[in-house]
Amino acid sequence: MNRRILWMLPVGGAAVLAATSLASSNDGPALTSVPAANVKAVGYSPSHKLAPELMQVAVAQGSTPLENPNGLTRFYGYQNDIVSPDDPLLPQMVPTATVPNESQKTEPDKNTYLVLKKGLAGGDPQYDYGSHFLFQGHEIATRVNGVPQGYVTRINLDANAQHRVTLVATQDSNGKPLPTIDGSTWDPFAQRLLFTSEGNGSSTGGTWQATLDVPAKVDDLTASLGRGGFEGIQNDSAGNVWIVEDIGGSNKVDASSASTPAKRPNSFVYRFVPDNPSDLTKGKLQALQVLRPDGSPITFESQLPLNSPDQLALHTYGTSFETRWVTVHDTATAPAGGFDANAAAKLAHATPFKRPENGVFRPGTKFTEFYFDETGDTNATSPENASAGGWGSLMKLTQSSTTANSGRLSLVYASNASTAGLDNVQFLGRDSLVGVQDMGDTLHTQTKSLDSGYVWDLNVDYSKSTAPAPLRWLAEGRDPSATIDSAAGGYGKNDGDNEITGVHVSDGDPTVAGILGAKIPQVFDSSKWRWFWNEQHGDNVAWEVLPVSRGDQQGNN
C-alpha cells in the first residue's frame, strides 16, 4: 500500500521566481536558471529561490519530535544539552533574555532513500510505517564527558506527525556512543546501511555499518576500512565501496614564509575491495594514485609548494592523467585492529586532493565513470583559487570496469567565485550532474552571497570561454535562526549560515539494481524517483523537491 503523504511543515516556503536564463537542454528535467544567489546581509533572512518549474515541501525539520526519544536525543535536529526553563524535556531552540544560548543543533547530513515492501518497525509496534524511508546521520552532537553523542534518524515518509521521525541508533553494538556522522548509503550486498564520519580525521573518523532494525545493530569497520576523515560513500556493481575523504590540510606559505589561506591537499579517494561483498570486515583498502606523464606519482609531498606544478596540472583543462589504485591495507596480512587510512595512503604515495567531499557514478556507463568534487579553500583571498583548485572543482575518473586497477583522471569543471565550495554531487539524468555549495560563513561574507545548487550538462565543454554557466536550480535562503547564529558566532557550536547538503536522487530500490549509477534517473517522469536535500544549520529542514505541476495536482502549490 502506497500511503505517500506530502507533509507540509510550518516553515518558510520556497519562493518561486521567474528567471531569464534558458532552460537546460540535457536529459534531466528542463529547468530555468535562477538569475543570482541570495544576498548575505546582516539581519537579512531571504527565502529560498527555486527554478520556476520547481517547488519543495518539508518532510521534517529540526523541531520535529522523535517518536522514541532517548536521553539528550529527543528531536530531529536538536539535542537537549540546554533546555527551556519551562520544561526540561524541551530544548532551548532560540536564545532569550533569560537563556542567552541555544541547544545543540545536530545538522542532519546525507540522505539515503529506501523503499521496502515489507516495511520497517519503529517506536510503536502497533503502527504501520508504510514503505518509504529516508535515513540520515547527524554531523554535530553534544559532547558528554568529551565524547560526541551522535545518532541516526529515519524519516517515515508515509507516516503521520506522531510517527514522522524515528530514532534508529545512538550507540554501537558494544555500547559505545556513535560519532558524528557525515555520509551514508545502502549496501545491498552486505544488507547494511553504511555511515561515515569525518570526526577528527584519523583519530575518530571512519565507517560504520548498521542494520535496519530499531534500535539498529551498529558495527565499527575500523579494522578493515581504517580511520580517516571520511564523507562520501558509494557502492559499485561489484560490491566495492568507494569513499571520499574530507580533511582540510595545513596552510601553505608564500615566498616570504607568510601563511596564506591556501590549504595543502590532504584528502584521498579510496576503494575498499572486500574478499566477499556480503562481508565488509575483510578485504583490501586502496587509494587513488595519479601519475605524471613520466609515470611518477603526484604525492602529498609534491603538492607542498604554493601553486605547485602538480596542482596546476591537475586543475588545467585538457589535461588527462593515468591513475592506478595502490593497496594501503589488507586484512589478510596486516595486524588486527584499526589503522590510520590517511597516513597509510600518504605512505603508499597516493594522491591527495583539496577536500573532495563526495563522489557518484554516472548512470548508463556501467560504473566506469566516477565524478567527485573538491570543496577547495573556501576563502576569496586564497592565492590558489584561479590556478590550483582553491575555488574547488569537479573531477572525472574513467576506468574500463569497476575492478580495473588503472584509469584516467581529468578536470570537468574549475569552479569560480560564484560556484566555489562544492559539496554534494548527484545525477538528475545521464548527463545532468547536480552539485551544491558549502562555502561557509567566511566566503559568504567575502562574496556577500549565500549558497546555491547547480546543474552541469556533461555534454558541455566547460573549458571553452563560450560555455554557458551551470544552471542554478536553487538559491538557498537563510532562515531567521541561522541569521541569529551567524551574527552571534554560532554560540560556540559551529552554527551559522544555512548550508545545502544531502542532495539525493533515488527510486529507493534496495537491490543491487538500485545502486546509485545503475539506472538513469527519471526525475519527475516517474513517481518512483524522488529528489531530496537538507538545509543544514538554523532550523535544519529536510526538503523534497517536486515539479510545480505535481504540486498543483496534489493541492500543495
Protein backbone atom coordinates (compact mmCIF):
# COMPACT_ATOMS: atom_id res chain seq x y z
CA MET A 1 0.00 0.00 0.00
CA ASN A 2 1.49 3.34 -1.01
CA ARG A 3 0.35 5.92 1.52
CA ARG A 4 2.68 8.65 0.36
CA ILE A 5 1.95 11.92 2.11
CA LEU A 6 3.22 15.36 1.18
CA TRP A 7 3.71 16.50 4.75
CA MET A 8 3.81 20.30 4.87
CA LEU A 9 5.53 21.74 7.94
CA PRO A 10 5.10 25.29 9.24
CA VAL A 11 8.39 26.60 7.89
CA GLY A 12 9.16 29.27 5.32
CA GLY A 13 8.01 28.06 1.91
CA ALA A 14 10.11 28.13 -1.23
CA ALA A 15 9.77 31.29 -3.25
CA VAL A 16 9.32 30.51 -6.95
CA LEU A 17 10.79 33.30 -9.03
CA ALA A 18 10.87 33.98 -12.73
CA ALA A 19 14.29 33.73 -14.33
CA THR A 20 15.79 34.88 -17.60
CA SER A 21 18.18 32.04 -18.39
CA LEU A 22 17.39 29.39 -20.97
CA ALA A 23 16.04 26.03 -19.89
CA SER A 24 18.52 23.18 -19.71
CA SER A 25 18.93 21.07 -22.84
CA ASN A 26 20.24 17.84 -21.30
CA ASP A 27 18.35 14.73 -20.26
CA GLY A 28 17.41 15.88 -16.77
CA PRO A 29 14.26 17.86 -16.00
CA ALA A 30 14.00 21.04 -18.08
CA LEU A 31 14.70 23.90 -15.68
CA THR A 32 15.10 27.63 -15.94
CA SER A 33 18.07 29.07 -14.11
CA VAL A 34 17.61 31.28 -11.07
CA PRO A 35 19.43 34.51 -12.03
CA ALA A 36 21.51 35.07 -8.90
CA ALA A 37 22.35 33.83 -5.44
CA ASN A 38 20.64 35.31 -2.41
CA VAL A 39 22.46 38.22 -0.80
CA LYS A 40 24.08 37.84 2.59
CA ALA A 41 23.45 40.91 4.73
CA VAL A 42 23.38 41.44 8.47
CA GLY A 43 19.93 40.72 9.85
CA TYR A 44 18.57 39.67 6.44
CA SER A 45 16.71 36.34 6.14
CA PRO A 46 15.75 35.79 2.49
CA SER A 47 13.57 32.88 1.37
CA HIS A 48 14.80 30.17 -0.99
CA LYS A 49 14.60 30.83 -4.72
CA LEU A 50 13.87 27.77 -6.85
CA ALA A 51 13.79 27.35 -10.61
CA PRO A 52 10.20 28.31 -11.57
CA GLU A 53 9.44 24.74 -12.59
CA LEU A 54 10.14 23.53 -9.04
CA MET A 55 8.54 23.62 -5.63
CA GLN A 56 9.53 21.91 -2.40
CA VAL A 57 7.89 20.55 0.72
CA ALA A 58 9.42 19.99 4.13
CA VAL A 59 9.41 16.33 5.16
CA ALA A 60 10.94 17.04 8.59
CA GLN A 61 12.60 19.90 10.46
CA GLY A 62 14.80 20.30 13.50
CA SER A 63 11.92 20.83 15.90
CA THR A 64 10.14 17.63 14.80
CA PRO A 65 9.99 15.42 17.91
CA LEU A 66 11.35 11.90 17.75
CA GLU A 67 8.69 9.26 18.32
CA ASN A 68 11.10 7.31 20.54
CA PRO A 69 13.32 9.88 22.31
CA ASN A 70 16.34 8.78 24.30
CA GLY A 71 18.16 10.91 26.85
CA LEU A 72 19.58 14.05 25.24
CA THR A 73 18.27 12.97 21.83
CA ARG A 74 14.61 13.96 21.63
CA PHE A 75 14.22 15.98 18.41
CA TYR A 76 15.20 15.57 14.77
CA GLY A 77 17.70 18.44 14.72
CA TYR A 78 18.29 19.43 18.34
CA GLN A 79 19.71 17.83 21.45
CA ASN A 80 18.69 18.72 24.99
CA ASP A 81 22.02 20.00 26.29
CA ILE A 82 20.42 23.36 27.04
CA VAL A 83 16.75 23.14 27.93
CA SER A 84 13.86 25.51 28.23
CA PRO A 85 13.43 26.88 31.78
CA ASP A 86 9.76 25.96 31.43
CA ASP A 87 10.27 22.28 30.59
CA PRO A 88 13.46 20.17 30.91
CA LEU A 89 12.28 17.90 28.09
CA LEU A 90 12.28 20.76 25.57
CA PRO A 91 15.46 22.17 24.02
CA GLN A 92 16.19 25.90 24.07
CA MET A 93 15.87 26.40 20.29
CA VAL A 94 16.43 30.18 20.22
CA PRO A 95 18.22 32.49 22.65
CA THR A 96 16.16 34.57 25.05
CA ALA A 97 16.84 37.30 27.59
CA THR A 98 16.87 34.75 30.41
CA VAL A 99 18.71 31.98 28.47
CA PRO A 100 21.08 33.74 26.02
CA ASN A 101 22.21 30.49 24.42
CA GLU A 102 20.91 27.60 22.34
CA SER A 103 20.75 23.84 22.46
CA GLN A 104 22.97 21.88 20.10
CA LYS A 105 21.73 21.80 16.50
CA THR A 106 22.73 18.44 15.09
CA GLU A 107 22.79 19.13 11.34
CA PRO A 108 21.29 16.06 9.62
CA ASP A 109 23.65 15.40 6.73
CA LYS A 110 23.46 12.97 3.81
CA ASN A 111 20.19 11.26 2.86
CA THR A 112 19.64 7.62 1.90
CA TYR A 113 16.19 6.78 0.47
CA LEU A 114 14.82 3.23 0.55
CA VAL A 115 11.52 1.69 -0.50
CA LEU A 116 10.96 -1.52 1.46
CA LYS A 117 7.88 -3.56 0.59
CA LYS A 118 7.87 -5.33 3.94
CA GLY A 119 8.14 -2.02 5.73
CA LEU A 120 10.05 -1.40 8.93
CA ALA A 121 9.27 -1.38 12.62
CA GLY A 122 9.59 1.75 14.71
CA GLY A 123 8.90 3.07 18.15
CA ASP A 124 5.29 1.91 18.08
CA PRO A 125 4.89 -1.85 17.45
CA GLN A 126 1.22 -1.37 16.52
CA TYR A 127 1.82 1.26 13.84
CA ASP A 128 2.14 0.65 10.09
CA TYR A 129 5.05 2.80 8.95
CA GLY A 130 4.46 2.21 5.25
CA SER A 131 7.35 1.52 2.90
CA HIS A 132 9.13 4.80 2.06
CA PHE A 133 12.02 5.82 4.32
CA LEU A 134 14.74 8.47 4.39
CA PHE A 135 17.79 7.87 6.63
CA GLN A 136 20.26 10.43 7.99
CA GLY A 137 23.27 10.57 10.23
CA HIS A 138 23.83 13.79 12.19
CA GLU A 139 27.03 15.77 11.69
CA ILE A 140 27.21 17.65 15.01
CA ALA A 141 26.42 16.37 18.50
CA THR A 142 26.54 17.31 22.14
CA ARG A 143 29.65 16.14 23.97
CA VAL A 144 29.22 14.22 27.19
CA ASN A 145 32.48 13.73 29.11
CA GLY A 146 34.25 14.87 25.96
CA VAL A 147 32.57 12.28 23.70
CA PRO A 148 30.06 13.32 20.99
CA GLN A 149 26.63 11.72 21.34
CA GLY A 150 25.94 11.12 17.65
CA TYR A 151 22.84 9.46 16.27
CA VAL A 152 20.96 8.14 13.23
CA THR A 153 17.38 9.02 12.31
CA ARG A 154 14.78 7.73 9.86
CA ILE A 155 12.09 9.94 8.35
CA ASN A 156 8.99 7.82 7.76
CA LEU A 157 7.65 9.44 4.62
CA ASP A 158 4.29 7.61 4.80
CA ALA A 159 3.68 8.33 8.49
CA ASN A 160 1.67 10.86 10.44
CA ALA A 161 3.17 13.59 12.62
CA GLN A 162 3.35 11.48 15.76
CA HIS A 163 5.40 8.79 14.00
CA ARG A 164 7.19 11.01 11.49
CA VAL A 165 10.79 10.58 12.68
CA THR A 166 12.26 7.50 14.35
CA LEU A 167 15.49 7.40 16.31
CA VAL A 168 17.42 4.49 14.80
CA ALA A 169 20.59 4.33 16.90
CA THR A 170 22.69 6.28 19.39
CA GLN A 171 25.38 3.68 20.13
CA ASP A 172 27.24 0.83 18.50
CA SER A 173 26.87 -2.87 19.32
CA ASN A 174 29.44 -2.51 22.12
CA GLY A 175 27.51 0.28 23.82
CA LYS A 176 29.89 3.00 22.64
CA PRO A 177 28.27 6.32 21.63
CA LEU A 178 28.07 6.85 17.89
CA PRO A 179 30.35 9.52 16.42
CA THR A 180 29.08 12.47 14.48
CA ILE A 181 28.10 11.24 11.01
CA ASP A 182 28.54 12.73 7.53
CA GLY A 183 27.98 10.31 4.65
CA SER A 184 25.55 7.44 4.18
CA THR A 185 24.48 4.84 1.65
CA TRP A 186 22.76 1.45 1.46
CA ASP A 187 24.96 -1.55 0.64
CA PRO A 188 22.71 -4.18 -0.99
CA PHE A 189 25.46 -6.81 -0.87
CA ALA A 190 26.09 -6.55 2.87
CA GLN A 191 22.44 -5.61 3.53
CA ARG A 192 23.63 -2.78 5.74
CA LEU A 193 23.36 0.97 5.93
CA LEU A 194 26.85 2.46 5.77
CA PHE A 195 27.70 5.66 7.63
CA THR A 196 30.91 7.67 7.55
CA SER A 197 32.36 10.18 9.97
CA GLU A 198 34.81 12.97 9.29
CA GLY A 199 35.30 13.16 13.02
CA ASN A 200 38.78 14.42 13.78
CA GLY A 201 40.28 12.63 10.83
CA SER A 202 42.41 9.65 11.74
CA SER A 203 41.65 9.97 15.45
CA THR A 204 37.86 9.44 15.38
CA GLY A 205 36.65 9.36 11.75
CA GLY A 206 35.78 6.14 9.96
CA THR A 207 32.97 3.92 8.69
CA TRP A 208 30.14 2.15 10.50
CA GLN A 209 27.57 -0.37 9.25
CA ALA A 210 24.04 -0.64 10.62
CA THR A 211 21.09 -2.98 10.32
CA LEU A 212 17.59 -1.71 9.55
CA ASP A 213 16.29 -2.67 12.98
CA VAL A 214 15.16 -0.20 15.64
CA PRO A 215 17.37 0.07 17.54
CA ALA A 216 19.87 -0.80 14.86
CA LYS A 217 22.89 -3.03 15.41
CA VAL A 218 25.82 -0.78 14.52
CA ASP A 219 29.36 -2.08 14.00
CA ASP A 220 32.62 -0.17 13.60
CA LEU A 221 34.56 -1.08 10.44
CA THR A 222 37.84 0.47 11.56
CA ALA A 223 39.74 -2.81 11.32
CA SER A 224 39.03 -3.15 7.61
CA LEU A 225 38.40 0.39 6.31
CA GLY A 226 40.52 2.34 8.77
CA ARG A 227 40.25 5.73 10.40
CA GLY A 228 40.02 8.84 8.24
CA GLY A 229 38.02 11.98 7.61
CA PHE A 230 35.54 10.03 5.52
CA GLU A 231 32.46 11.61 3.97
CA GLY A 232 31.15 10.48 0.57
CA ILE A 233 30.45 6.75 0.34
CA GLN A 234 29.14 4.77 -2.63
CA ASN A 235 28.90 1.16 -3.82
CA ASP A 236 29.71 -0.07 -7.29
CA SER A 237 28.15 -3.06 -9.07
CA ALA A 238 30.97 -5.42 -7.98
CA GLY A 239 30.35 -4.79 -4.29
CA ASN A 240 33.33 -2.48 -3.82
CA VAL A 241 32.86 0.52 -1.52
CA TRP A 242 34.18 3.90 -2.70
CA ILE A 243 34.95 6.51 -0.03
CA VAL A 244 35.80 10.16 -0.49
CA GLU A 245 37.75 11.83 2.31
CA ASP A 246 37.41 15.41 3.55
CA ILE A 247 40.31 16.56 5.73
CA GLY A 248 41.48 20.14 5.47
CA GLY A 249 45.23 20.50 5.10
CA SER A 250 47.65 22.89 6.73
CA ASN A 251 48.02 26.44 5.41
CA LYS A 252 50.63 26.96 2.73
CA VAL A 253 53.19 29.75 2.96
CA ASP A 254 54.25 32.25 0.30
CA ALA A 255 57.77 33.23 -0.79
CA SER A 256 58.21 35.34 2.36
CA SER A 257 57.16 32.35 4.54
CA ALA A 258 53.93 34.10 5.49
CA SER A 259 50.87 31.89 5.98
CA THR A 260 48.21 32.05 3.26
CA PRO A 261 44.57 30.83 3.07
CA ALA A 262 45.66 28.20 0.52
CA LYS A 263 45.38 24.72 2.05
CA ARG A 264 47.67 21.80 1.32
CA PRO A 265 45.80 18.90 -0.35
CA ASN A 266 45.29 16.32 2.40
CA SER A 267 42.33 14.11 1.41
CA PHE A 268 42.20 10.89 -0.58
CA VAL A 269 39.80 8.89 -2.72
CA TYR A 270 39.56 5.26 -1.56
CA ARG A 271 38.18 1.98 -2.87
CA PHE A 272 37.56 -0.90 -0.47
CA VAL A 273 37.61 -4.29 -2.23
CA PRO A 274 36.00 -6.87 0.07
CA ASP A 275 37.02 -10.52 -0.10
CA ASN A 276 33.29 -11.23 -0.12
CA PRO A 277 30.88 -8.35 -0.92
CA SER A 278 28.49 -9.53 1.79
CA ASP A 279 31.18 -9.13 4.48
CA LEU A 280 32.91 -5.76 4.86
CA THR A 281 35.20 -6.90 7.65
CA LYS A 282 37.76 -8.47 5.30
CA GLY A 283 39.41 -7.09 2.22
CA LYS A 284 41.80 -4.51 0.80
CA LEU A 285 41.65 -0.74 1.14
CA GLN A 286 43.10 1.04 -1.85
CA ALA A 287 43.81 4.72 -2.51
CA LEU A 288 43.84 6.53 -5.84
CA GLN A 289 47.25 7.45 -7.22
CA VAL A 290 47.57 9.95 -10.07
CA LEU A 291 50.63 9.70 -12.30
CA ARG A 292 52.63 12.37 -14.09
CA PRO A 293 53.43 11.84 -17.79
CA ASP A 294 56.75 10.26 -16.79
CA GLY A 295 54.94 7.67 -14.66
CA SER A 296 55.93 9.07 -11.27
CA PRO A 297 53.15 9.76 -8.74
CA ILE A 298 51.70 13.09 -7.65
CA THR A 299 52.08 12.91 -3.86
CA PHE A 300 51.37 14.73 -0.63
CA GLU A 301 54.95 16.00 -0.61
CA SER A 302 54.91 17.21 -4.21
CA GLN A 303 51.93 19.50 -3.56
CA LEU A 304 53.52 21.36 -0.64
CA PRO A 305 54.71 24.46 -2.56
CA LEU A 306 52.23 27.23 -3.26
CA ASN A 307 50.78 26.68 -6.74
CA SER A 308 52.88 23.55 -7.17
CA PRO A 309 53.34 22.32 -10.75
CA ASP A 310 51.39 19.15 -9.93
CA GLN A 311 48.40 21.09 -8.63
CA LEU A 312 48.47 23.45 -11.60
CA ALA A 313 48.49 20.50 -13.98
CA LEU A 314 45.62 18.71 -12.18
CA HIS A 315 43.49 21.84 -12.49
CA THR A 316 44.22 22.63 -16.13
CA TYR A 317 41.54 21.94 -18.72
CA GLY A 318 42.51 19.44 -21.38
CA THR A 319 44.98 17.53 -19.24
CA SER A 320 44.48 13.85 -18.56
CA PHE A 321 46.40 11.67 -16.14
CA GLU A 322 46.86 7.95 -15.84
CA THR A 323 45.74 6.59 -12.48
CA ARG A 324 46.15 3.40 -10.53
CA TRP A 325 44.92 2.01 -7.26
CA VAL A 326 47.55 1.32 -4.61
CA THR A 327 46.77 -1.00 -1.71
CA VAL A 328 47.23 0.70 1.64
CA HIS A 329 45.87 -2.05 3.91
CA ASP A 330 44.96 -5.73 3.57
CA THR A 331 43.20 -7.55 6.40
CA ALA A 332 44.78 -10.82 5.22
CA THR A 333 48.30 -9.64 6.06
CA ALA A 334 48.02 -6.62 8.36
CA PRO A 335 47.89 -6.87 12.15
CA ALA A 336 44.41 -6.91 13.65
CA GLY A 337 42.91 -3.64 14.85
CA GLY A 338 42.24 -0.20 13.45
CA PHE A 339 44.65 1.83 11.34
CA ASP A 340 45.15 5.36 10.04
CA ALA A 341 43.96 5.26 6.42
CA ASN A 342 45.15 8.79 5.65
CA ALA A 343 48.67 8.08 6.90
CA ALA A 344 48.71 4.75 5.03
CA ALA A 345 47.68 6.50 1.80
CA LYS A 346 50.50 9.01 2.19
CA LEU A 347 52.99 6.23 2.87
CA ALA A 348 51.86 4.48 -0.33
CA HIS A 349 52.32 7.72 -2.32
CA ALA A 350 48.65 8.05 -3.21
CA THR A 351 47.47 11.45 -4.44
CA PRO A 352 45.65 13.85 -2.11
CA PHE A 353 43.09 16.45 -3.21
CA LYS A 354 41.61 19.65 -1.78
CA ARG A 355 38.74 18.27 0.29
CA PRO A 356 36.92 16.00 -2.21
CA GLU A 357 33.71 15.64 -0.20
CA ASN A 358 31.51 13.44 -2.39
CA GLY A 359 31.50 11.23 -5.48
CA VAL A 360 28.97 9.41 -7.64
CA PHE A 361 28.91 7.13 -10.69
CA ARG A 362 27.47 8.43 -13.94
CA PRO A 363 24.34 6.48 -14.88
CA GLY A 364 24.44 4.47 -18.08
CA THR A 365 28.22 3.95 -18.00
CA LYS A 366 28.23 0.58 -16.18
CA PHE A 367 30.12 2.19 -13.30
CA THR A 368 33.07 3.19 -15.46
CA GLU A 369 32.80 6.94 -14.83
CA PHE A 370 33.13 8.32 -11.29
CA TYR A 371 32.68 12.04 -10.64
CA PHE A 372 33.85 13.73 -7.46
CA ASP A 373 34.12 17.32 -6.28
CA GLU A 374 36.75 19.32 -4.47
CA THR A 375 35.44 21.87 -1.98
CA GLY A 376 38.70 23.83 -2.12
CA ASP A 377 39.92 26.56 0.22
CA THR A 378 36.58 28.42 0.75
CA ASN A 379 38.37 31.75 1.01
CA ALA A 380 38.26 34.52 -1.60
CA THR A 381 41.86 35.52 -0.85
CA SER A 382 43.48 32.13 -1.49
CA PRO A 383 46.34 32.55 -4.00
CA GLU A 384 45.43 29.13 -5.43
CA ASN A 385 41.81 29.99 -6.30
CA ALA A 386 42.08 30.56 -10.03
CA SER A 387 45.04 28.27 -10.63
CA ALA A 388 45.27 25.24 -8.36
CA GLY A 389 41.77 24.31 -7.21
CA GLY A 390 41.26 26.89 -4.48
CA TRP A 391 37.75 27.67 -5.68
CA GLY A 392 37.06 23.92 -5.98
CA SER A 393 36.43 21.69 -8.97
CA LEU A 394 34.67 18.70 -10.50
CA MET A 395 36.86 15.73 -11.48
CA LYS A 396 36.14 12.64 -13.58
CA LEU A 397 37.78 9.24 -13.12
CA THR A 398 37.29 6.83 -16.03
CA GLN A 399 38.04 3.11 -15.83
CA SER A 400 37.38 0.16 -18.12
CA SER A 401 35.47 -1.62 -15.34
CA THR A 402 34.72 -1.40 -11.63
CA THR A 403 37.52 -3.85 -10.89
CA ALA A 404 40.14 -2.21 -13.11
CA ASN A 405 43.32 -1.17 -11.34
CA SER A 406 44.08 1.71 -13.70
CA GLY A 407 42.17 4.55 -15.28
CA ARG A 408 42.38 8.21 -16.28
CA LEU A 409 41.59 11.40 -14.36
CA SER A 410 40.58 14.71 -15.91
CA LEU A 411 39.17 18.07 -14.90
CA VAL A 412 35.49 18.56 -15.80
CA TYR A 413 34.91 21.98 -14.29
CA ALA A 414 37.05 24.55 -12.49
CA SER A 415 34.93 26.50 -10.03
CA ASN A 416 34.95 30.27 -9.67
CA ALA A 417 33.79 32.75 -7.04
CA SER A 418 30.14 32.05 -7.90
CA THR A 419 30.35 28.25 -7.83
CA ALA A 420 33.05 27.82 -5.16
CA GLY A 421 32.92 25.35 -2.31
CA LEU A 422 31.15 22.40 -3.94
CA ASP A 423 29.97 19.74 -1.52
CA ASN A 424 27.42 17.08 -2.54
CA VAL A 425 27.15 15.76 -6.10
CA GLN A 426 24.34 13.68 -7.60
CA PHE A 427 22.88 12.85 -11.01
CA LEU A 428 19.45 14.02 -12.21
CA GLY A 429 19.84 12.14 -15.50
CA ARG A 430 22.59 10.56 -17.55
CA ASP A 431 24.19 13.89 -18.40
CA SER A 432 22.82 16.14 -15.64
CA LEU A 433 25.13 16.44 -12.65
CA VAL A 434 23.89 18.31 -9.59
CA GLY A 435 26.34 19.99 -7.26
CA VAL A 436 25.58 22.09 -4.20
CA GLN A 437 27.70 24.57 -2.30
CA ASP A 438 29.10 24.74 1.20
CA MET A 439 31.04 28.00 1.02
CA GLY A 440 30.85 28.70 4.75
CA ASP A 441 30.32 31.99 6.56
CA THR A 442 33.76 33.40 5.65
CA LEU A 443 33.27 33.09 1.90
CA HIS A 444 29.61 34.10 2.19
CA THR A 445 30.73 37.33 3.83
CA GLN A 446 33.52 37.91 1.33
CA THR A 447 31.23 37.43 -1.68
CA LYS A 448 28.11 38.85 0.02
CA SER A 449 26.18 35.81 -1.20
CA LEU A 450 24.66 32.63 0.18
CA ASP A 451 24.97 29.09 -1.23
CA SER A 452 23.39 27.80 -4.45
CA GLY A 453 22.67 24.47 -6.10
CA TYR A 454 23.72 23.95 -9.74
CA VAL A 455 23.25 21.55 -12.63
CA TRP A 456 26.11 20.81 -15.04
CA ASP A 457 25.35 19.50 -18.52
CA LEU A 458 28.14 17.00 -19.15
CA ASN A 459 27.70 17.43 -22.90
CA VAL A 460 29.13 20.95 -22.47
CA ASP A 461 32.86 21.60 -22.70
CA TYR A 462 33.34 23.96 -19.78
CA SER A 463 36.90 24.74 -20.84
CA LYS A 464 35.59 26.97 -23.62
CA SER A 465 35.06 30.65 -22.89
CA THR A 466 31.73 30.42 -24.71
CA ALA A 467 30.44 27.61 -22.47
CA PRO A 468 27.27 28.50 -20.57
CA ALA A 469 27.40 28.80 -16.83
CA PRO A 470 25.97 25.85 -14.92
CA LEU A 471 22.24 26.18 -14.32
CA ARG A 472 21.27 27.42 -10.85
CA TRP A 473 18.26 25.40 -9.64
CA LEU A 474 18.38 26.74 -6.08
CA ALA A 475 19.49 29.98 -4.49
CA GLU A 476 19.40 28.99 -0.84
CA GLY A 477 17.92 31.45 1.60
CA ARG A 478 18.70 31.91 5.28
CA ASP A 479 16.16 31.29 7.98
CA PRO A 480 15.96 33.64 11.00
CA SER A 481 17.54 31.06 13.29
CA ALA A 482 20.64 30.78 11.10
CA THR A 483 20.75 34.56 10.74
CA ILE A 484 20.88 34.90 14.53
CA ASP A 485 23.56 32.20 14.77
CA SER A 486 25.72 33.82 12.10
CA ALA A 487 25.58 37.16 13.91
CA ALA A 488 26.42 35.54 17.26
CA GLY A 489 29.20 33.23 16.07
CA GLY A 490 27.00 30.19 16.47
CA TYR A 491 27.12 30.47 20.26
CA GLY A 492 30.32 28.43 20.12
CA LYS A 493 28.58 25.47 18.48
CA ASN A 494 29.63 25.55 14.81
CA ASP A 495 26.35 27.07 13.67
CA GLY A 496 26.00 29.86 11.14
CA ASP A 497 24.50 30.48 7.73
CA ASN A 498 22.34 27.75 6.24
CA GLU A 499 24.20 25.18 4.14
CA ILE A 500 22.99 22.93 1.32
CA THR A 501 23.76 19.26 1.86
CA GLY A 502 22.26 15.80 1.46
CA VAL A 503 21.15 16.28 -2.15
CA HIS A 504 19.86 12.84 -3.11
CA VAL A 505 18.05 11.43 -6.16
CA SER A 506 16.88 7.82 -5.97
CA ASP A 507 14.00 5.48 -6.69
CA GLY A 508 14.67 3.72 -3.37
CA ASP A 509 15.38 0.31 -4.95
CA PRO A 510 17.20 -1.67 -2.22
CA THR A 511 18.56 -4.34 -4.61
CA VAL A 512 21.86 -4.38 -6.47
CA ALA A 513 19.96 -2.99 -9.47
CA GLY A 514 19.17 0.11 -7.39
CA ILE A 515 22.74 1.18 -6.59
CA LEU A 516 23.14 4.84 -7.50
CA GLY A 517 24.51 4.87 -11.04
CA ALA A 518 22.91 1.59 -12.10
CA LYS A 519 19.81 3.25 -13.55
CA ILE A 520 19.34 6.50 -15.41
CA PRO A 521 17.20 8.69 -13.11
CA GLN A 522 13.73 9.58 -14.36
CA VAL A 523 13.14 12.53 -12.06
CA PHE A 524 9.58 13.85 -12.45
CA ASP A 525 8.93 11.41 -15.32
CA SER A 526 8.22 8.66 -12.82
CA SER A 527 6.73 8.99 -9.35
CA LYS A 528 9.22 6.35 -8.18
CA TRP A 529 12.13 8.77 -8.40
CA ARG A 530 12.41 11.32 -5.60
CA TRP A 531 14.71 14.27 -5.00
CA PHE A 532 15.71 15.45 -1.51
CA TRP A 533 18.09 17.91 0.09
CA ASN A 534 18.88 19.06 3.63
CA GLU A 535 19.11 22.65 4.79
CA GLN A 536 21.76 22.42 7.47
CA HIS A 537 22.24 24.88 10.33
CA GLY A 538 19.38 27.05 11.52
CA ASP A 539 16.09 25.14 11.51
CA ASN A 540 17.64 22.04 9.86
CA VAL A 541 14.88 21.31 7.35
CA ALA A 542 14.77 18.21 5.14
CA TRP A 543 13.15 19.11 1.81
CA GLU A 544 11.66 17.12 -1.05
CA VAL A 545 11.82 18.80 -4.46
CA LEU A 546 8.77 18.42 -6.72
CA PRO A 547 7.66 19.78 -10.06
CA VAL A 548 5.16 22.60 -9.76
CA SER A 549 2.77 20.59 -11.93
CA ARG A 550 2.72 17.73 -9.44
CA GLY A 551 2.20 20.13 -6.59
CA ASP A 552 -0.79 21.60 -8.42
CA GLN A 553 -2.28 18.15 -8.84
CA GLN A 554 -1.93 17.42 -5.13
CA GLY A 555 -3.12 20.81 -3.96
CA ASN A 556 0.18 21.85 -2.42
CA ASN A 557 1.28 24.65 -4.69
